[in-house]
Amino acid sequence: MYSQKDGRWAERCLGSSGLRMDQYGCVVTSVANLLLAAGYETDPGQVVDKLNSINGFTERGLLIWGKVEEAYPQFHFGGGGVRFRKGLLGKDVHWLLEYNGTITDPITGKEGVPEGWKETEGGREAGIDRAEAPAVEPEPEAPAEGGPRTYTVVEGDSLSKIAQKELGDGNRWPEIFDLNKDQIADPDLIYPDQVLKLP
């Protein structure tokens, strides 16, 4: 999980307020941490930049929750198992993220409630649609260790051309012929789509 004090975004401002992420970016960092936990590739720097681009903060640097939904339609505020927990840490308002039974502190980016934090009213309930896993193409099956390799004959092939292409030496064509005598009677007669074993 991310920390609001990470140097990659610590000095970015919340809108035109002059308030910086390292001091007041707990809720923005919690939004980024939730996106990360739900499988989205983003970070607090990208979140604050996106919110700044759509006027996502008040003049005092307070987050406009509706702008989070505008920027990230996968959020659904009003219920769904996610809690942005509002509290006081000393004299400052400090938000924590509760997701899947785990509370994360955006100051440290670690699990747990910071010492001295006291929950207040005004937290937010939310839901989030999980990111769809990218489709993974199955890898072609590798031949079993030590098992035979194969080659599918194409138009214009000869055993010497196959030996050159697959074995690096056209003079090794008799090895291919010997392995495939069950389907090749004459080494000068091979046909497209035949599957030949290779040494």
Foldseek 3Di string as FASTA:
>chain_A
DAALCPPVQQADAQAQQNDGSLVPVQVLQLLQVVLVVLPHDDGSNRSSVLCNVVVQADNNRHGDVVSSCVSPVQKFWDAAAKKFWWWDQPNDIHTWIAHPNWIAGNNVRHTDDDPRTDTDPDMIHMHGHRDDDDDDDDDPDDPDVVDWDKDFDDPPDALLNCCCVPVVGSVCSVQQCVQPVVPDVDSRDDDGGDITTDD
